[in-house]
Amino acid sequence: MLLLYNTLSRKKQTFKPQKRGVVSIYACGPTVYSAPHIGNMRTYLEQDVLKRALIRLGYKVNHVVNITDVGHLVGDANLGEDKVKLAAEREHKTARQVADFYTAEFERDISQLNILKPDVMPKATEHIREMLELIGHLESKGYLYSVPTGIYYDTSRFKNYGKLSAMSFAKLNKYLKAGARVERAAGIKNITDFAVWRLRERQSIDEMIWDSAWGEGFPGWHIECSAMSMKYLGETLDIHCGGIDHIPIHHTNEIAQSEAASGKKFVNYWVHSNFLTVDGKKMAKSIGNVYTIGDLIGKGFSPMAIRYLFISAHYRKKLNFTFDSLENVAKTLRGIYSFLQRLSEIKRAGAADPKFSKKVSSAKKEFFGEVDNDLNIPGALSAMHSLISEANRRIGNDRLTASEAKKVMAAMMEFDEVLGLEFERHSKPKEDLDERIKKLIEMREAARKEKNFKGADLIRDTLRQHYRIILEDTKDGVRWHREG
């Protein structure tokens, strides 16, 4: 039984899909005008944990993540220019070249981070017909009006507009007026009204313009998600994911247009992830603290260390990223991988101690109990590390038997069904090393014996940076494993 915090109800609820054994999940995907930053990727990692938890419970998950390659303007005000268009001008490329390049960047990042690939990744530019059909349906029901810049949704017509943000229509309008996004095109009735179709401007790029009953133009950002999610998952979704910044505008507008069109509830469970900060500050190019996954890998950190850090905080709490925290987590993960390798090498005969077997079972129960409690991964990790500590004590006392090691290994593999940290890759006995690597390890040992610790550290760093070999000094001598 999985409990999820539902933003709409503002409480934890027992998850029940519409169709037995099947779950539909839609997540707002990237706007492909630049490489996704680590704040974006934290959200997708947390969604991956949710998906893995559902799969482990036996559900078939139908997962859709859209690609916004047109229609997302600079800021949430319905003025300004399209982000992909601006990137095309800046990089002297076509809009399609820009979108394809950064879509590939996103797909590379999710692959490196071991994020399960969505079943469908629909592109906005390939679903214009569905958007136009949805716009026509909304117009026939009287929800739209025209202004010189485009076709707008009249948010005052939708009952309970703003319910996702727990604000009334009047309060949400006041909230937006109090913020920076107050500028609106001429003729707009309410500050919360939004464009479903923006009419062509003279400087628009031809490849991002389509014909319609309302004139040449391109879709609004919000209409894209409604059209694509309903095409692939139906008029009512089980789960819709995204960042908390989408709650007051993007997701609120998705609800308004989807429910107005279908007459049905759009989403049963809204799951939102909190922000990631860097050194306690909001990410901003102006202060130089915006990092991508490629940036972190380029600094010598493994994708699995990045994954571990980002899933180690609860998804509804802010995560403050620092390089020190990433280094600490990388060290912890190296310890886990070394532990798995040691487990694989245990040969001691004997039956499993019933008391220890009970501790393994208890750790599993605690781990998955925390996962099922609104994806409390910090609590789950605590249960896992308690089991590792207990097993390590038995290894240190030469008491862990092969049968006990097998039980612990099986538990760790079950944990990784949710964590996705590639434990399987690190659960094998040592492989034969290249002679060059063996020689470097021997040179480091000689340097340590001569108390040339600076030289020993230099060799250790070389092994890590160039060969992904991690050394661990133990009372039984130096151990090594390959970094994930």
Protein backbone atom coordinates (compact mmCIF):
# COMPACT_ATOMS: atom_id res chain seq x y z
CA MET A 1 0.00 0.00 0.00
CA LEU A 2 1.51 3.27 -1.15
CA LEU A 3 0.74 6.59 0.54
CA LEU A 4 1.29 9.71 -1.59
CA TYR A 5 0.96 13.35 -0.64
CA ASN A 6 -1.62 14.79 -3.04
CA THR A 7 -1.12 18.50 -3.68
CA LEU A 8 -4.80 18.82 -4.58
CA SER A 9 -6.10 17.45 -1.27
CA ARG A 10 -3.06 18.68 0.71
CA LYS A 11 -2.75 15.38 2.58
CA LYS A 12 -1.34 11.90 2.22
CA GLN A 13 -3.69 9.49 0.50
CA THR A 14 -3.63 5.78 -0.16
CA PHE A 15 -2.87 5.41 -3.85
CA LYS A 16 -5.54 3.65 -5.88
CA PRO A 17 -5.29 3.65 -9.67
CA GLN A 18 -8.34 3.89 -11.87
CA LYS A 19 -7.60 0.56 -13.52
CA ARG A 20 -6.46 -2.34 -11.41
CA GLY A 21 -2.77 -3.07 -11.86
CA VAL A 22 -2.13 -0.18 -14.26
CA VAL A 23 -0.91 3.36 -13.47
CA SER A 24 -0.82 6.36 -15.80
CA ILE A 25 1.83 9.01 -15.05
CA TYR A 26 2.40 12.27 -16.89
CA ALA A 27 5.34 14.53 -16.11
CA CYS A 28 6.11 17.94 -17.54
CA GLY A 29 9.24 17.47 -19.59
CA PRO A 30 12.03 19.86 -20.57
CA THR A 31 11.78 22.94 -22.72
CA VAL A 32 14.61 22.13 -25.09
CA TYR A 33 16.32 25.50 -25.53
CA SER A 34 19.31 24.71 -23.28
CA ALA A 35 20.79 21.82 -21.34
CA PRO A 36 18.69 20.83 -18.31
CA HIS A 37 20.27 21.96 -15.03
CA ILE A 38 20.64 19.89 -11.88
CA GLY A 39 17.44 21.32 -10.39
CA ASN A 40 15.49 19.95 -13.35
CA MET A 41 17.21 16.60 -13.08
CA ARG A 42 16.50 16.29 -9.36
CA THR A 43 12.79 16.38 -10.22
CA TYR A 44 13.12 13.64 -12.85
CA LEU A 45 15.15 11.50 -10.44
CA GLU A 46 12.44 11.76 -7.81
CA GLN A 47 9.82 10.83 -10.38
CA ASP A 48 11.97 7.83 -11.29
CA VAL A 49 11.89 6.67 -7.67
CA LEU A 50 8.08 6.93 -7.72
CA LYS A 51 7.91 4.91 -10.93
CA ARG A 52 10.28 2.26 -9.56
CA ALA A 53 8.26 2.02 -6.33
CA LEU A 54 5.08 1.44 -8.34
CA ILE A 55 6.73 -1.18 -10.55
CA ARG A 56 7.99 -3.00 -7.48
CA LEU A 57 4.42 -3.11 -6.14
CA GLY A 58 3.44 -4.95 -9.31
CA TYR A 59 1.91 -2.13 -11.35
CA LYS A 60 2.33 -1.69 -15.07
CA VAL A 61 3.26 1.97 -15.42
CA ASN A 62 2.34 3.95 -18.52
CA HIS A 63 4.71 6.90 -18.31
CA VAL A 64 4.65 9.98 -20.56
CA VAL A 65 7.13 12.88 -20.45
CA ASN A 66 6.61 15.59 -23.06
CA ILE A 67 9.24 17.56 -24.96
CA THR A 68 8.39 21.26 -25.23
CA ASP A 69 10.00 22.35 -28.47
CA VAL A 70 7.71 25.32 -29.13
CA GLY A 71 5.34 27.59 -27.23
CA HIS A 72 7.14 28.18 -23.94
CA LEU A 73 7.66 31.91 -23.64
CA VAL A 74 10.25 33.74 -21.58
CA GLY A 75 8.52 33.98 -18.20
CA ASP A 76 4.91 33.06 -17.52
CA ALA A 77 3.40 36.31 -18.79
CA ASN A 78 1.81 35.93 -22.19
CA LEU A 79 4.22 38.38 -23.73
CA GLY A 80 7.77 38.00 -24.95
CA GLU A 81 9.35 35.46 -27.24
CA ASP A 82 9.54 31.70 -27.50
CA LYS A 83 12.54 30.21 -25.66
CA VAL A 84 13.46 27.83 -28.48
CA LYS A 85 13.23 30.65 -31.02
CA LEU A 86 15.56 32.84 -28.95
CA ALA A 87 18.04 29.98 -28.61
CA ALA A 88 17.99 29.46 -32.38
CA GLU A 89 18.83 33.11 -32.94
CA ARG A 90 21.54 33.07 -30.28
CA GLU A 91 23.19 29.90 -31.59
CA HIS A 92 22.67 30.69 -35.30
CA LYS A 93 20.80 27.44 -35.87
CA THR A 94 17.32 26.46 -36.92
CA ALA A 95 14.76 25.94 -34.16
CA ARG A 96 14.66 22.24 -35.03
CA GLN A 97 18.44 21.93 -34.71
CA VAL A 98 18.32 23.58 -31.29
CA ALA A 99 15.43 21.39 -30.11
CA ASP A 100 17.01 18.18 -31.39
CA PHE A 101 20.37 19.00 -29.80
CA TYR A 102 18.98 19.70 -26.32
CA THR A 103 16.51 16.82 -26.53
CA ALA A 104 19.52 14.55 -27.06
CA GLU A 105 21.22 16.22 -24.05
CA PHE A 106 18.19 15.45 -21.90
CA GLU A 107 18.03 11.84 -23.08
CA ARG A 108 21.75 11.43 -22.37
CA ASP A 109 21.31 12.79 -18.85
CA ILE A 110 18.43 10.46 -17.98
CA SER A 111 20.40 7.51 -19.36
CA GLN A 112 23.53 8.39 -17.37
CA LEU A 113 21.49 8.80 -14.18
CA ASN A 114 19.84 5.40 -14.70
CA ILE A 115 16.39 6.97 -15.00
CA LEU A 116 13.93 4.53 -16.56
CA LYS A 117 13.02 5.88 -19.98
CA PRO A 118 9.40 7.02 -20.38
CA ASP A 119 7.15 4.93 -22.59
CA VAL A 120 6.38 7.97 -24.72
CA MET A 121 8.23 11.28 -25.10
CA PRO A 122 5.90 13.27 -27.38
CA LYS A 123 7.12 16.48 -28.98
CA ALA A 124 4.83 19.50 -28.99
CA THR A 125 5.57 20.25 -32.65
CA GLU A 126 4.31 16.79 -33.63
CA HIS A 127 0.95 17.23 -31.88
CA ILE A 128 -0.36 20.52 -33.26
CA ARG A 129 -3.48 18.82 -34.66
CA GLU A 130 -4.46 17.52 -31.21
CA MET A 131 -3.93 20.97 -29.72
CA LEU A 132 -6.06 22.66 -32.37
CA GLU A 133 -8.84 20.13 -31.78
CA LEU A 134 -8.73 20.84 -28.05
CA ILE A 135 -8.77 24.61 -28.66
CA GLY A 136 -11.77 24.23 -30.95
CA HIS A 137 -13.57 22.20 -28.30
CA LEU A 138 -12.92 24.89 -25.68
CA GLU A 139 -14.13 27.60 -28.06
CA SER A 140 -17.38 25.74 -28.73
CA LYS A 141 -18.00 25.67 -24.96
CA GLY A 142 -17.46 29.43 -24.65
CA TYR A 143 -14.21 29.44 -22.68
CA LEU A 144 -12.14 31.42 -25.19
CA TYR A 145 -11.93 34.97 -26.51
CA SER A 146 -9.76 36.78 -29.04
CA VAL A 147 -7.34 39.67 -28.68
CA PRO A 148 -4.93 41.02 -31.31
CA THR A 149 -2.08 38.78 -30.09
CA GLY A 150 -3.97 35.51 -29.86
CA ILE A 151 -6.75 33.32 -28.49
CA TYR A 152 -7.11 33.36 -24.71
CA TYR A 153 -8.77 31.21 -22.06
CA ASP A 154 -11.15 33.13 -19.79
CA THR A 155 -10.20 31.78 -16.36
CA SER A 156 -13.21 33.49 -14.72
CA ARG A 157 -15.43 30.98 -16.54
CA PHE A 158 -13.91 27.96 -14.82
CA LYS A 159 -15.36 27.03 -11.46
CA ASN A 160 -12.80 26.61 -8.67
CA TYR A 161 -9.96 28.01 -10.75
CA GLY A 162 -6.87 27.94 -8.53
CA LYS A 163 -7.96 24.94 -6.45
CA LEU A 164 -4.56 23.24 -6.88
CA SER A 165 -2.81 26.17 -5.22
CA ALA A 166 -5.49 26.40 -2.50
CA MET A 167 -6.34 29.91 -3.66
CA SER A 168 -9.60 31.29 -4.94
CA PHE A 169 -9.82 32.96 -8.33
CA ALA A 170 -9.65 36.39 -6.66
CA LYS A 171 -6.70 35.43 -4.43
CA LEU A 172 -4.74 33.93 -7.30
CA ASN A 173 -5.22 37.06 -9.39
CA LYS A 174 -4.07 39.17 -6.45
CA TYR A 175 -1.07 36.87 -5.92
CA LEU A 176 0.05 37.23 -9.53
CA LYS A 177 -0.46 40.99 -9.50
CA ALA A 178 1.76 41.23 -6.42
CA GLY A 179 4.56 39.41 -8.24
CA ALA A 180 6.78 40.54 -11.06
CA ARG A 181 4.69 38.98 -13.81
CA VAL A 182 2.05 41.72 -14.12
CA GLU A 183 2.47 42.76 -17.74
CA ARG A 184 -0.22 41.42 -20.06
CA ALA A 185 -1.20 41.91 -23.69
CA ALA A 186 -3.87 44.48 -24.53
CA GLY A 187 -7.44 43.25 -24.15
CA ILE A 188 -6.77 40.56 -21.53
CA LYS A 189 -9.73 40.30 -19.14
CA ASN A 190 -8.00 38.74 -16.11
CA ILE A 191 -4.35 38.56 -15.13
CA THR A 192 -4.73 34.76 -14.87
CA ASP A 193 -6.02 34.39 -18.44
CA PHE A 194 -3.60 32.62 -20.75
CA ALA A 195 -3.04 32.10 -24.47
CA VAL A 196 -3.99 28.78 -26.02
CA TRP A 197 -2.95 30.03 -29.48
CA ARG A 198 -0.60 32.93 -30.14
CA LEU A 199 -0.91 34.67 -33.48
CA ARG A 200 2.08 35.11 -35.73
CA GLU A 201 4.31 38.12 -35.35
CA ARG A 202 6.33 39.42 -38.26
CA GLN A 203 9.63 38.29 -36.76
CA SER A 204 8.42 34.75 -36.06
CA ILE A 205 10.45 31.87 -37.46
CA ASP A 206 8.51 30.20 -40.26
CA GLU A 207 9.33 26.66 -39.10
CA MET A 208 7.56 27.38 -35.79
CA ILE A 209 4.31 28.64 -37.36
CA TRP A 210 1.19 26.65 -38.20
CA ASP A 211 -2.09 27.52 -39.88
CA SER A 212 -5.31 27.39 -37.89
CA ALA A 213 -8.93 28.56 -37.93
CA TRP A 214 -7.80 31.57 -35.88
CA GLY A 215 -4.88 32.52 -38.08
CA GLU A 216 -1.23 31.54 -38.41
CA GLY A 217 0.56 31.10 -35.12
CA PHE A 218 1.74 28.59 -32.55
CA PRO A 219 0.28 26.95 -29.42
CA GLY A 220 0.49 28.20 -25.86
CA TRP A 221 2.61 26.20 -23.47
CA HIS A 222 -0.25 25.05 -21.23
CA ILE A 223 -2.44 23.63 -24.01
CA GLU A 224 0.40 21.36 -25.11
CA CYS A 225 0.48 19.33 -21.91
CA SER A 226 -3.28 18.89 -21.82
CA ALA A 227 -3.46 17.74 -25.44
CA MET A 228 -0.54 15.32 -25.22
CA SER A 229 -1.34 13.84 -21.83
CA MET A 230 -4.96 13.15 -22.76
CA LYS A 231 -3.97 11.66 -26.12
CA TYR A 232 -1.68 9.06 -24.57
CA LEU A 233 -3.22 8.51 -21.14
CA GLY A 234 -6.91 9.44 -21.42
CA GLU A 235 -9.02 12.27 -20.04
CA THR A 236 -8.26 11.40 -16.39
CA LEU A 237 -4.72 10.66 -15.26
CA ASP A 238 -3.73 8.70 -12.18
CA ILE A 239 -0.65 10.83 -11.39
CA HIS A 240 0.71 14.11 -12.71
CA CYS A 241 4.23 15.11 -11.62
CA GLY A 242 6.25 18.29 -11.76
CA GLY A 243 8.04 20.95 -9.75
CA ILE A 244 6.25 23.07 -7.17
CA ASP A 245 6.89 26.15 -9.31
CA HIS A 246 4.29 24.80 -11.77
CA ILE A 247 1.47 24.73 -9.20
CA PRO A 248 0.03 28.28 -9.38
CA ILE A 249 0.21 28.75 -13.16
CA HIS A 250 1.07 25.87 -15.48
CA HIS A 251 -0.67 23.05 -13.64
CA THR A 252 -3.55 25.27 -12.59
CA ASN A 253 -4.10 26.12 -16.25
CA GLU A 254 -3.80 22.48 -17.32
CA ILE A 255 -6.63 21.65 -14.94
CA ALA A 256 -8.80 24.53 -16.15
CA GLN A 257 -8.58 23.72 -19.86
CA SER A 258 -8.63 19.91 -19.50
CA GLU A 259 -11.62 19.74 -17.18
CA ALA A 260 -13.48 22.41 -19.13
CA ALA A 261 -13.02 20.35 -22.30
CA SER A 262 -13.77 16.87 -20.92
CA GLY A 263 -16.13 17.59 -18.05
CA LYS A 264 -14.11 15.08 -16.02
CA LYS A 265 -11.53 15.28 -13.26
CA PHE A 266 -8.15 15.74 -14.94
CA VAL A 267 -5.78 14.22 -12.36
CA ASN A 268 -6.38 12.10 -9.27
CA TYR A 269 -2.96 12.55 -7.62
CA TRP A 270 -0.72 15.58 -8.07
CA VAL A 271 2.88 14.89 -6.95
CA HIS A 272 5.18 17.92 -6.77
CA SER A 273 8.91 18.12 -6.05
CA ASN A 274 10.54 20.94 -4.10
CA PHE A 275 13.39 23.19 -5.22
CA LEU A 276 17.10 22.56 -5.34
CA THR A 277 19.37 25.38 -4.21
CA VAL A 278 23.13 25.72 -4.64
CA ASP A 279 25.19 26.78 -1.62
CA GLY A 280 21.97 28.06 -0.07
CA LYS A 281 21.10 30.28 -3.05
CA LYS A 282 18.68 30.05 -5.91
CA MET A 283 20.38 28.98 -9.13
CA ALA A 284 21.06 31.93 -11.41
CA LYS A 285 23.37 32.44 -14.36
CA SER A 286 24.19 35.90 -13.03
CA ILE A 287 25.98 34.42 -10.00
CA GLY A 288 27.43 31.45 -11.88
CA ASN A 289 25.87 28.65 -9.84
CA VAL A 290 23.85 26.89 -12.56
CA TYR A 291 25.28 23.41 -13.13
CA THR A 292 24.37 20.59 -15.49
CA ILE A 293 24.92 16.87 -15.03
CA GLY A 294 27.73 17.14 -17.57
CA ASP A 295 29.39 19.81 -15.42
CA LEU A 296 29.41 17.54 -12.37
CA ILE A 297 30.67 14.53 -14.31
CA GLY A 298 33.37 16.75 -15.78
CA LYS A 299 34.51 17.51 -12.23
CA GLY A 300 35.09 13.82 -11.59
CA PHE A 301 31.80 12.80 -9.96
CA SER A 302 30.06 9.64 -11.07
CA PRO A 303 26.43 9.74 -12.27
CA MET A 304 25.47 7.32 -9.49
CA ALA A 305 26.91 9.64 -6.82
CA ILE A 306 24.80 12.45 -8.28
CA ARG A 307 21.75 10.19 -8.28
CA TYR A 308 22.38 9.13 -4.68
CA LEU A 309 22.61 12.73 -3.49
CA PHE A 310 19.47 13.89 -5.25
CA ILE A 311 17.25 11.03 -4.08
CA SER A 312 18.64 11.10 -0.52
CA ALA A 313 16.45 14.07 0.45
CA HIS A 314 12.67 13.79 0.63
CA TYR A 315 11.11 15.00 -2.60
CA ARG A 316 8.85 17.49 -0.80
CA LYS A 317 11.77 19.18 0.97
CA LYS A 318 14.32 21.59 -0.44
CA LEU A 319 17.73 20.14 -1.22
CA ASN A 320 20.78 22.37 -0.89
CA PHE A 321 23.49 21.24 -3.28
CA THR A 322 27.15 21.73 -2.39
CA PHE A 323 30.24 20.06 -3.78
CA ASP A 324 31.14 18.97 -0.25
CA SER A 325 27.82 17.15 0.09
CA LEU A 326 28.33 15.47 -3.28
CA GLU A 327 31.85 14.39 -2.29
CA ASN A 328 30.54 12.97 1.00
CA VAL A 329 27.82 11.05 -0.78
CA ALA A 330 30.32 9.77 -3.36
CA LYS A 331 32.45 8.43 -0.48
CA THR A 332 29.40 6.76 1.07
CA LEU A 333 28.48 5.14 -2.24
CA ARG A 334 32.02 3.87 -2.72
CA GLY A 335 31.71 2.26 0.69
CA ILE A 336 28.46 0.56 -0.35
CA TYR A 337 30.02 -0.76 -3.54
CA SER A 338 33.02 -2.06 -1.59
CA PHE A 339 30.63 -3.74 0.86
CA LEU A 340 28.79 -5.47 -1.99
CA GLN A 341 32.06 -6.76 -3.38
CA ARG A 342 33.08 -8.09 0.02
CA LEU A 343 29.73 -9.85 0.33
CA SER A 344 30.33 -11.60 -2.98
CA GLU A 345 33.65 -12.95 -1.68
CA ILE A 346 32.34 -14.47 1.57
CA LYS A 347 32.99 -18.23 1.55
CA ARG A 348 32.59 -19.11 5.25
CA ALA A 349 30.54 -22.27 5.67
CA GLY A 350 27.67 -22.60 8.11
CA ALA A 351 23.97 -21.97 8.41
CA ALA A 352 22.47 -18.53 8.81
CA ASP A 353 22.07 -17.28 12.38
CA PRO A 354 18.28 -17.00 12.99
CA LYS A 355 18.77 -13.73 14.88
CA PHE A 356 20.72 -12.20 12.00
CA SER A 357 18.22 -13.50 9.46
CA LYS A 358 15.50 -11.76 11.47
CA LYS A 359 17.48 -8.52 11.30
CA VAL A 360 17.67 -8.81 7.51
CA SER A 361 13.92 -9.33 7.31
CA SER A 362 13.32 -6.43 9.69
CA ALA A 363 15.54 -4.13 7.61
CA LYS A 364 13.61 -5.02 4.47
CA LYS A 365 10.29 -4.38 6.16
CA GLU A 366 11.51 -1.02 7.46
CA PHE A 367 13.03 -0.02 4.10
CA PHE A 368 9.91 -0.65 2.06
CA GLY A 369 7.66 0.70 4.79
CA GLU A 370 9.48 4.01 4.45
CA VAL A 371 9.27 3.88 0.64
CA ASP A 372 5.53 3.27 0.84
CA ASN A 373 5.16 6.20 3.24
CA ASP A 374 5.18 8.98 0.65
CA LEU A 375 8.54 7.89 -0.79
CA ASN A 376 10.52 8.57 2.38
CA ILE A 377 13.88 7.64 0.85
CA PRO A 378 15.93 9.17 3.71
CA GLY A 379 14.21 6.76 6.11
CA ALA A 380 14.67 3.87 3.70
CA LEU A 381 18.39 4.62 3.35
CA SER A 382 18.73 4.68 7.14
CA ALA A 383 17.29 1.16 7.30
CA MET A 384 19.67 0.00 4.58
CA HIS A 385 22.73 1.45 6.29
CA SER A 386 21.77 -0.19 9.57
CA LEU A 387 21.79 -3.54 7.81
CA ILE A 388 25.15 -2.77 6.18
CA SER A 389 26.63 -1.83 9.55
CA GLU A 390 25.42 -5.05 11.17
CA ALA A 391 26.73 -7.16 8.29
CA ASN A 392 30.08 -5.35 8.34
CA ARG A 393 30.43 -6.10 12.07
CA ARG A 394 29.96 -9.78 11.35
CA ILE A 395 32.47 -9.60 8.48
CA GLY A 396 34.99 -7.88 10.75
CA ASN A 397 34.55 -10.61 13.37
CA ASP A 398 34.78 -13.30 10.66
CA ARG A 399 31.28 -14.48 11.57
CA LEU A 400 29.29 -13.77 8.40
CA THR A 401 28.57 -17.02 6.59
CA ALA A 402 28.08 -17.43 2.85
CA SER A 403 24.38 -18.15 3.39
CA GLU A 404 24.00 -14.96 5.45
CA ALA A 405 25.91 -12.96 2.84
CA LYS A 406 23.52 -14.29 0.22
CA LYS A 407 20.51 -13.05 2.23
CA VAL A 408 22.04 -9.61 2.66
CA MET A 409 22.95 -9.42 -1.02
CA ALA A 410 19.39 -10.35 -2.00
CA ALA A 411 18.04 -7.60 0.27
CA MET A 412 20.42 -5.05 -1.24
CA MET A 413 19.28 -5.99 -4.75
CA GLU A 414 15.66 -5.52 -3.67
CA PHE A 415 16.49 -2.10 -2.24
CA ASP A 416 18.09 -1.15 -5.53
CA GLU A 417 14.88 -1.89 -7.43
CA VAL A 418 13.75 1.43 -5.96
CA LEU A 419 17.08 3.24 -5.53
CA GLY A 420 18.44 2.51 -9.00
CA LEU A 421 22.09 2.82 -7.90
CA GLU A 422 23.36 -0.08 -10.03
CA PHE A 423 24.20 -2.38 -7.12
CA GLU A 424 24.23 -5.37 -9.49
CA ARG A 425 27.24 -3.98 -11.35
CA HIS A 426 29.24 -3.87 -8.11
CA SER A 427 28.18 -7.18 -6.60
CA LYS A 428 30.69 -9.38 -8.40
CA PRO A 429 34.07 -10.67 -7.18
CA LYS A 430 37.11 -8.71 -8.29
CA GLU A 431 37.98 -8.86 -11.95
CA ASP A 432 41.53 -9.08 -13.25
CA LEU A 433 43.14 -5.69 -13.49
CA ASP A 434 45.12 -4.27 -16.35
CA GLU A 435 48.86 -4.55 -15.67
CA ARG A 436 49.22 -0.74 -15.77
CA ILE A 437 46.64 -0.38 -13.01
CA LYS A 438 48.24 -3.13 -10.94
CA LYS A 439 51.58 -1.36 -11.25
CA LEU A 440 50.06 1.96 -10.10
CA ILE A 441 48.51 0.29 -7.06
CA GLU A 442 51.87 -1.29 -6.19
CA MET A 443 53.60 2.09 -6.61
CA ARG A 444 51.07 3.70 -4.28
CA GLU A 445 51.63 1.02 -1.64
CA ALA A 446 55.39 1.57 -1.89
CA ALA A 447 54.90 5.34 -1.54
CA ARG A 448 52.77 4.85 1.58
CA LYS A 449 55.39 2.60 3.16
CA GLU A 450 57.99 5.31 2.50
CA LYS A 451 55.55 7.84 4.06
CA ASN A 452 55.37 9.68 0.75
CA PHE A 453 51.71 10.44 1.30
CA LYS A 454 51.58 13.24 -1.26
CA GLY A 455 52.81 10.87 -3.95
CA ALA A 456 50.42 8.14 -2.77
CA ASP A 457 47.47 10.56 -2.96
CA LEU A 458 48.52 11.62 -6.46
CA ILE A 459 48.48 8.01 -7.65
CA ARG A 460 45.11 7.39 -5.96
CA ASP A 461 43.63 10.44 -7.71
CA THR A 462 45.07 9.31 -11.05
CA LEU A 463 43.47 5.89 -10.67
CA ARG A 464 40.11 7.48 -9.96
CA GLN A 465 40.18 10.17 -12.64
CA HIS A 466 41.60 8.14 -15.51
CA TYR A 467 40.59 4.56 -14.74
CA ARG A 468 37.56 5.00 -12.41
CA ILE A 469 39.33 2.75 -9.90
CA ILE A 470 38.53 3.55 -6.25
CA LEU A 471 40.97 2.41 -3.57
CA GLU A 472 40.00 1.69 0.02
CA ASP A 473 42.59 1.15 2.73
CA THR A 474 41.45 -1.49 5.24
CA LYS A 475 43.08 -3.42 8.07
CA ASP A 476 43.38 -6.34 5.62
CA GLY A 477 45.16 -4.21 3.04
CA VAL A 478 44.11 -2.09 0.09
CA ARG A 479 40.83 -2.94 -1.67
CA TRP A 480 39.53 -1.53 -4.93
CA HIS A 481 36.37 -1.31 -7.03
CA ARG A 482 35.28 0.45 -10.18
CA GLU A 483 33.31 3.65 -9.67
CA GLY A 484 29.76 3.58 -11.01
